[in-house]
N, C-alpha and C. Protein backbone atom coordinates (compact mmCIF):
# COMPACT_ATOMS: atom_id res chain seq x y z
N MET A 1 38.63 5.44 -36.62
CA MET A 1 38.23 4.22 -35.82
C MET A 1 36.65 4.32 -35.75
N PRO A 2 35.93 3.49 -36.21
CA PRO A 2 34.10 3.61 -35.81
C PRO A 2 34.17 3.40 -34.44
N LEU A 3 32.83 3.94 -33.86
CA LEU A 3 32.48 3.81 -32.60
C LEU A 3 32.14 2.27 -32.38
N ASP A 4 32.23 1.71 -31.17
CA ASP A 4 31.76 0.34 -31.15
C ASP A 4 30.35 0.73 -30.47
N GLN A 5 29.39 0.54 -31.20
CA GLN A 5 27.82 0.73 -30.84
C GLN A 5 27.61 -0.35 -30.31
N THR A 6 28.17 -1.34 -29.56
CA THR A 6 27.67 -2.66 -28.98
C THR A 6 27.89 -2.25 -27.45
N THR A 7 28.84 -1.38 -27.04
CA THR A 7 28.90 -0.98 -25.58
C THR A 7 28.69 0.30 -25.79
N VAL A 8 27.64 0.69 -24.39
CA VAL A 8 27.71 1.91 -24.06
C VAL A 8 28.20 2.50 -22.67
N ALA A 9 28.87 3.66 -22.63
CA ALA A 9 29.41 4.00 -21.19
C ALA A 9 28.32 4.85 -20.42
N ILE A 10 28.25 4.87 -19.43
CA ILE A 10 27.73 5.58 -18.07
C ILE A 10 28.55 6.04 -17.36
N VAL A 11 29.02 7.24 -17.50
CA VAL A 11 30.02 8.00 -16.64
C VAL A 11 29.28 8.53 -15.25
N LEU A 12 29.36 7.88 -14.25
CA LEU A 12 28.87 8.58 -12.95
C LEU A 12 30.07 9.38 -12.15
N ASP A 13 31.41 9.55 -12.77
CA ASP A 13 32.35 10.04 -12.17
C ASP A 13 32.23 11.59 -12.34
N ALA A 14 32.08 12.16 -11.25
CA ALA A 14 31.82 13.88 -11.11
C ALA A 14 33.22 14.55 -11.74
N GLU A 15 34.36 13.78 -11.77
CA GLU A 15 35.52 14.29 -12.05
C GLU A 15 36.46 13.65 -13.12
N PHE A 16 35.59 13.08 -14.00
CA PHE A 16 36.11 12.20 -15.42
C PHE A 16 36.38 13.22 -16.33
N GLY A 17 36.19 14.44 -16.51
CA GLY A 17 36.49 15.20 -17.56
C GLY A 17 38.03 14.97 -18.51
N ALA A 18 39.06 14.95 -17.85
CA ALA A 18 40.46 14.84 -18.88
C ALA A 18 40.07 13.52 -19.30
N GLN A 19 39.26 12.33 -19.16
CA GLN A 19 39.52 10.87 -19.89
C GLN A 19 38.30 11.11 -20.92
N LEU A 20 37.26 12.10 -20.82
CA LEU A 20 36.34 11.65 -21.76
C LEU A 20 36.36 11.74 -23.21
N SER A 21 37.30 12.36 -23.86
CA SER A 21 37.57 12.51 -25.23
C SER A 21 38.10 11.09 -25.64
N GLU A 22 38.96 10.23 -24.69
CA GLU A 22 39.23 9.07 -25.42
C GLU A 22 38.11 8.12 -25.21
N LEU A 23 37.38 7.84 -24.29
CA LEU A 23 36.31 7.39 -24.29
C LEU A 23 35.19 7.24 -25.27
N ALA A 24 35.07 8.62 -25.33
CA ALA A 24 33.82 9.25 -26.70
C ALA A 24 34.23 8.83 -27.80
N ALA A 25 35.66 8.68 -28.06
CA ALA A 25 36.28 8.50 -29.30
C ALA A 25 35.91 6.66 -29.53
N ARG A 26 35.43 6.04 -28.66
CA ARG A 26 35.35 4.42 -28.62
C ARG A 26 34.20 4.24 -28.60
N MET A 27 33.21 4.81 -27.99
CA MET A 27 31.59 4.32 -27.58
C MET A 27 30.94 5.44 -27.32
N PRO A 28 29.35 5.37 -27.54
CA PRO A 28 28.67 6.25 -27.02
C PRO A 28 28.76 6.53 -25.31
N VAL A 29 28.40 7.57 -25.17
CA VAL A 29 28.62 7.89 -23.61
C VAL A 29 27.54 8.54 -23.18
N TRP A 30 27.15 8.27 -21.79
CA TRP A 30 26.51 9.04 -21.26
C TRP A 30 26.91 9.49 -19.99
N VAL A 31 27.08 10.90 -19.68
CA VAL A 31 27.98 11.52 -18.72
C VAL A 31 27.27 12.43 -18.06
N VAL A 32 27.72 12.46 -16.34
CA VAL A 32 26.76 13.34 -15.63
C VAL A 32 27.31 14.45 -15.63
N ASP A 33 26.40 15.34 -15.72
CA ASP A 33 26.74 16.89 -15.98
C ASP A 33 27.21 17.55 -14.59
N THR A 34 28.64 17.81 -14.48
CA THR A 34 29.11 18.35 -13.30
C THR A 34 30.15 19.42 -13.64
N PRO A 35 30.47 20.62 -12.90
CA PRO A 35 31.42 21.27 -13.20
C PRO A 35 32.91 20.65 -13.49
N GLY A 36 33.39 19.44 -12.87
CA GLY A 36 34.44 18.80 -13.48
C GLY A 36 34.21 18.05 -14.91
N ASN A 37 33.13 18.13 -15.05
CA ASN A 37 33.07 17.31 -16.28
C ASN A 37 32.52 18.19 -17.51
N ARG A 38 32.10 19.31 -17.19
CA ARG A 38 31.51 20.43 -18.42
C ARG A 38 32.22 20.67 -19.34
N ALA A 39 33.69 21.38 -18.86
CA ALA A 39 34.92 21.68 -19.79
C ALA A 39 34.82 20.77 -20.96
N ALA A 40 34.74 19.38 -20.51
CA ALA A 40 35.26 18.08 -21.51
C ALA A 40 34.04 17.82 -22.17
N ILE A 41 32.74 17.83 -21.86
CA ILE A 41 31.71 17.85 -22.75
C ILE A 41 31.61 18.72 -23.72
N GLU A 42 31.98 20.28 -23.43
CA GLU A 42 31.78 21.05 -24.27
C GLU A 42 32.73 20.91 -25.32
N SER A 43 33.97 20.56 -25.08
CA SER A 43 34.97 20.28 -26.17
C SER A 43 34.55 19.27 -26.61
N GLU A 44 33.75 18.16 -26.52
CA GLU A 44 33.52 17.01 -27.38
C GLU A 44 32.50 17.61 -28.50
N TRP A 45 31.48 18.26 -27.80
CA TRP A 45 30.45 18.83 -28.94
C TRP A 45 30.97 19.46 -29.67
N THR A 46 32.12 20.47 -29.29
CA THR A 46 32.53 21.48 -30.46
C THR A 46 33.57 20.69 -31.41
N ARG A 47 33.82 19.34 -30.80
CA ARG A 47 35.07 18.69 -32.01
C ARG A 47 33.86 17.91 -32.75
N ARG A 48 32.73 17.63 -32.17
CA ARG A 48 31.70 16.87 -33.19
C ARG A 48 31.02 17.78 -34.26
N ARG A 49 30.87 19.29 -33.61
CA ARG A 49 30.31 20.02 -34.79
C ARG A 49 31.32 20.53 -35.61
N ARG A 50 32.36 20.81 -35.25
CA ARG A 50 33.74 21.61 -36.10
C ARG A 50 34.44 20.66 -36.99
N ASP A 51 34.50 19.30 -36.49
CA ASP A 51 35.37 18.54 -37.22
C ASP A 51 34.76 17.38 -37.65
N GLY A 52 33.25 17.36 -37.43
CA GLY A 52 32.58 16.04 -37.77
C GLY A 52 32.98 14.95 -37.28
N ALA A 53 33.65 15.01 -36.05
CA ALA A 53 34.28 13.54 -35.40
C ALA A 53 32.89 12.81 -35.06
N GLU A 54 33.00 11.48 -35.05
CA GLU A 54 32.32 10.66 -34.56
C GLU A 54 32.27 10.57 -33.07
N ARG A 55 30.90 11.19 -32.68
CA ARG A 55 30.78 11.08 -31.25
C ARG A 55 29.41 10.89 -30.95
N GLU A 56 29.11 10.40 -30.19
CA GLU A 56 27.73 10.19 -29.41
C GLU A 56 28.00 10.40 -27.99
N LEU A 57 27.89 11.45 -27.58
CA LEU A 57 27.71 12.12 -26.32
C LEU A 57 26.48 12.74 -25.67
N SER A 58 25.88 11.79 -24.74
CA SER A 58 24.72 12.54 -23.88
C SER A 58 25.42 13.08 -22.41
N VAL A 59 24.24 13.83 -21.92
CA VAL A 59 24.63 14.63 -20.74
C VAL A 59 23.44 14.00 -19.77
N PHE A 60 23.47 13.84 -18.52
CA PHE A 60 22.27 13.56 -17.66
C PHE A 60 22.59 14.51 -16.50
N ARG A 61 21.79 15.21 -15.75
CA ARG A 61 22.02 15.60 -14.45
C ARG A 61 21.75 14.67 -13.40
N ALA A 62 22.64 14.68 -12.35
CA ALA A 62 22.35 13.71 -11.21
C ALA A 62 21.32 14.55 -10.23
N ILE A 63 20.38 13.56 -10.01
CA ILE A 63 19.12 13.92 -9.00
C ILE A 63 19.46 13.79 -7.70
N ASP A 64 19.34 15.06 -6.97
CA ASP A 64 19.71 14.45 -5.23
C ASP A 64 18.62 13.46 -4.88
N GLY A 65 19.32 12.73 -4.12
CA GLY A 65 18.25 11.68 -3.37
C GLY A 65 18.01 10.43 -4.34
N LEU A 66 18.85 9.95 -5.16
CA LEU A 66 18.80 9.12 -6.28
C LEU A 66 20.28 8.51 -5.96
N THR A 67 19.89 6.89 -5.77
CA THR A 67 21.06 6.24 -5.54
C THR A 67 21.87 6.00 -7.04
N PRO A 68 23.13 5.75 -7.25
CA PRO A 68 23.76 5.20 -8.17
C PRO A 68 22.97 4.49 -8.98
N ALA A 69 22.35 3.30 -8.16
CA ALA A 69 21.67 2.15 -8.98
C ALA A 69 20.33 2.89 -9.82
N GLU A 70 19.86 3.63 -8.96
CA GLU A 70 18.35 4.49 -9.69
C GLU A 70 18.70 5.31 -10.55
N HIS A 71 20.08 5.83 -10.77
CA HIS A 71 20.38 6.86 -11.93
C HIS A 71 20.70 5.82 -13.04
N VAL A 72 21.27 4.95 -12.76
CA VAL A 72 21.62 3.62 -13.87
C VAL A 72 20.19 3.02 -14.21
N THR A 73 19.27 2.69 -13.55
CA THR A 73 17.99 2.20 -14.11
C THR A 73 17.31 3.31 -14.82
N ALA A 74 17.27 4.38 -14.37
CA ALA A 74 16.57 5.45 -15.06
C ALA A 74 17.10 5.69 -16.63
N LEU A 75 18.53 5.68 -16.66
CA LEU A 75 19.16 5.70 -17.58
C LEU A 75 18.98 4.72 -18.59
N LEU A 76 19.00 3.67 -18.37
CA LEU A 76 18.45 2.24 -18.92
C LEU A 76 17.48 2.34 -20.00
N ARG A 77 16.32 2.86 -19.49
CA ARG A 77 15.03 3.08 -20.38
C ARG A 77 15.20 3.82 -21.49
N THR A 78 16.32 5.03 -21.33
CA THR A 78 16.69 5.77 -22.41
C THR A 78 17.62 5.50 -23.33
N ILE A 79 18.77 4.64 -22.79
CA ILE A 79 19.68 3.77 -23.45
C ILE A 79 18.82 3.00 -24.53
N GLU A 80 18.16 1.99 -23.96
CA GLU A 80 17.36 1.01 -24.92
C GLU A 80 16.38 1.67 -25.79
N ALA A 81 15.89 2.94 -25.62
CA ALA A 81 15.10 3.26 -26.68
C ALA A 81 16.23 3.81 -27.67
N ASN A 82 17.43 4.42 -27.27
CA ASN A 82 18.23 5.17 -28.49
C ASN A 82 19.54 4.19 -28.82
N HIS A 83 19.90 3.04 -28.36
CA HIS A 83 20.76 2.10 -28.80
C HIS A 83 20.19 0.45 -28.41
N GLY A 84 18.98 0.21 -28.58
CA GLY A 84 18.37 -1.03 -28.37
C GLY A 84 18.22 -1.48 -29.82
N PRO A 85 17.59 -2.90 -29.85
CA PRO A 85 17.21 -3.27 -31.05
C PRO A 85 16.19 -2.40 -32.15
N SER A 86 15.39 -1.53 -31.40
CA SER A 86 14.30 -0.80 -32.12
C SER A 86 14.95 0.45 -32.58
N ALA A 87 16.45 0.93 -32.47
CA ALA A 87 17.06 1.86 -32.49
C ALA A 87 18.10 1.66 -33.65
N ARG A 88 18.90 0.51 -33.54
CA ARG A 88 19.92 0.29 -34.42
C ARG A 88 20.26 -1.16 -34.46
N GLN A 89 20.76 -1.43 -35.47
CA GLN A 89 21.35 -2.87 -35.94
C GLN A 89 23.06 -2.65 -35.76
N PRO A 90 23.70 -3.59 -34.90
CA PRO A 90 23.45 -4.43 -34.30
C PRO A 90 23.24 -3.31 -32.63
N PRO A 91 22.32 -3.89 -31.80
CA PRO A 91 22.12 -3.11 -30.71
C PRO A 91 23.10 -3.00 -29.67
N PHE A 92 23.08 -2.11 -28.53
CA PHE A 92 24.16 -2.34 -27.45
C PHE A 92 23.73 -3.87 -26.98
N THR A 93 24.92 -4.50 -26.32
CA THR A 93 24.71 -5.35 -25.71
C THR A 93 25.55 -5.35 -24.17
N ALA A 94 26.53 -4.28 -24.20
CA ALA A 94 27.10 -4.40 -22.71
C ALA A 94 27.12 -2.82 -22.36
N LEU A 95 27.32 -2.77 -21.15
CA LEU A 95 27.21 -1.52 -20.36
C LEU A 95 28.49 -1.56 -19.63
N LEU A 96 29.13 -0.49 -19.76
CA LEU A 96 30.53 0.06 -19.09
C LEU A 96 30.06 1.07 -18.16
N VAL A 97 30.28 1.20 -16.72
CA VAL A 97 29.78 2.13 -15.91
C VAL A 97 31.05 2.33 -15.06
N ILE A 98 31.36 3.91 -15.31
CA ILE A 98 32.34 4.27 -14.57
C ILE A 98 32.27 5.09 -13.36
N GLY A 99 32.69 4.94 -12.27
CA GLY A 99 32.86 6.03 -11.20
C GLY A 99 31.85 5.31 -10.00
N GLU A 100 31.48 4.06 -10.29
CA GLU A 100 30.96 3.34 -9.28
C GLU A 100 31.04 2.04 -9.28
N ALA A 101 30.94 1.29 -7.90
CA ALA A 101 31.14 -0.34 -7.93
C ALA A 101 29.68 -0.89 -8.15
N ALA A 102 29.60 -2.20 -8.32
CA ALA A 102 28.50 -2.99 -8.52
C ALA A 102 28.23 -3.16 -7.22
N ASP A 103 27.68 -2.62 -6.45
CA ASP A 103 27.16 -2.99 -5.22
C ASP A 103 26.11 -3.82 -5.13
N GLY A 104 25.27 -4.31 -4.11
CA GLY A 104 24.13 -5.19 -4.03
C GLY A 104 22.76 -4.46 -4.82
N ALA A 105 22.57 -3.26 -4.66
CA ALA A 105 21.45 -2.62 -5.37
C ALA A 105 21.50 -2.44 -6.82
N MET A 106 22.90 -2.10 -7.07
CA MET A 106 23.38 -1.99 -8.62
C MET A 106 23.10 -3.46 -9.12
N THR A 107 23.84 -4.29 -8.56
CA THR A 107 23.75 -5.36 -9.50
C THR A 107 22.21 -6.00 -9.37
N SER A 108 21.51 -6.18 -8.78
CA SER A 108 20.07 -6.20 -8.40
C SER A 108 19.03 -5.35 -9.62
N ALA A 109 19.71 -4.40 -9.77
CA ALA A 109 18.95 -3.24 -10.82
C ALA A 109 19.50 -3.87 -12.26
N LEU A 110 20.60 -4.13 -12.36
CA LEU A 110 21.02 -4.76 -13.67
C LEU A 110 20.49 -6.11 -13.92
N ARG A 111 20.38 -6.86 -12.75
CA ARG A 111 19.70 -7.96 -13.04
C ARG A 111 17.98 -7.86 -13.41
N ASN A 112 17.39 -7.31 -12.90
CA ASN A 112 16.12 -6.87 -13.35
C ASN A 112 16.17 -6.36 -14.87
N ALA A 113 16.91 -5.68 -15.20
CA ALA A 113 17.08 -5.05 -16.09
C ALA A 113 17.64 -6.05 -17.61
N GLY A 114 17.74 -7.01 -17.17
CA GLY A 114 17.96 -8.36 -18.07
C GLY A 114 19.80 -8.71 -18.18
N PHE A 115 20.50 -7.90 -17.60
CA PHE A 115 22.04 -8.29 -17.37
C PHE A 115 22.56 -9.18 -16.63
N ASP A 116 23.67 -9.91 -17.26
CA ASP A 116 24.36 -10.65 -16.21
C ASP A 116 25.29 -10.24 -15.09
N GLU A 117 25.91 -10.73 -14.28
CA GLU A 117 26.55 -10.47 -13.13
C GLU A 117 27.57 -9.38 -13.62
N PRO A 118 27.79 -8.20 -12.90
CA PRO A 118 28.28 -7.13 -13.27
C PRO A 118 29.90 -7.54 -12.99
N VAL A 119 30.89 -7.29 -13.91
CA VAL A 119 32.35 -7.67 -13.53
C VAL A 119 33.10 -6.26 -13.35
N ALA A 120 33.65 -6.32 -12.12
CA ALA A 120 34.57 -4.95 -11.82
C ALA A 120 35.69 -4.66 -12.59
N ASN A 121 35.92 -3.50 -12.89
CA ASN A 121 37.34 -3.54 -13.42
C ASN A 121 38.12 -2.16 -12.96
N GLY A 122 39.09 -1.59 -12.95
CA GLY A 122 39.83 -0.50 -12.15
C GLY A 122 38.58 0.97 -12.25
N GLU A 123 37.81 1.10 -12.92
CA GLU A 123 37.17 2.22 -13.12
C GLU A 123 35.38 2.21 -12.57
N GLY A 124 34.98 0.84 -12.69
CA GLY A 124 33.86 0.51 -12.23
C GLY A 124 33.65 -0.85 -12.38
N PHE A 125 32.38 -1.01 -13.50
CA PHE A 125 32.24 -2.28 -13.63
C PHE A 125 31.63 -2.26 -15.08
N ARG A 126 31.78 -3.48 -15.57
CA ARG A 126 30.77 -4.11 -16.99
C ARG A 126 29.92 -4.80 -16.92
N ALA A 127 28.95 -4.74 -17.73
CA ALA A 127 27.59 -5.52 -17.55
C ALA A 127 27.25 -5.87 -18.95
N THR A 128 27.13 -7.21 -19.24
CA THR A 128 26.45 -7.74 -20.60
C THR A 128 25.08 -8.14 -20.38
N LEU A 129 24.59 -7.84 -21.47
CA LEU A 129 22.90 -7.77 -21.52
C LEU A 129 22.50 -9.11 -22.14
N LYS A 130 21.53 -9.80 -21.64
CA LYS A 130 21.22 -11.25 -21.97
C LYS A 130 20.23 -10.65 -23.43
N ARG A 131 20.53 -10.73 -24.67
CA ARG A 131 19.49 -10.62 -25.51
C ARG A 131 19.36 -11.99 -26.27
């Protein structure tokens, strides 16, 4: 099944590792580099190299002192450059954030970046970009 290039996931959950393969098979993923995620990250990179599996898996490091909203805001610039209209067609139009709720700071950051109101789900939330 081809990747859904219109949705990009940001994984802030430090212990998401066991679920990473299934998510990376569905959409591009930006995942926080933690000991709890590292083995799954390495496994996905190996799968992509060895089997030619279609995966877009990027890793970022959490920066001490930054809030989840600040991490997402910082990542959005890079995600836009890699998955936005100047990089691909169709561009990404939705963001799936796993491991954090959409509190006031997160909602404000997303609105400032052009997203609609985030919608909570069991793992975090989804936000749609107004393009």
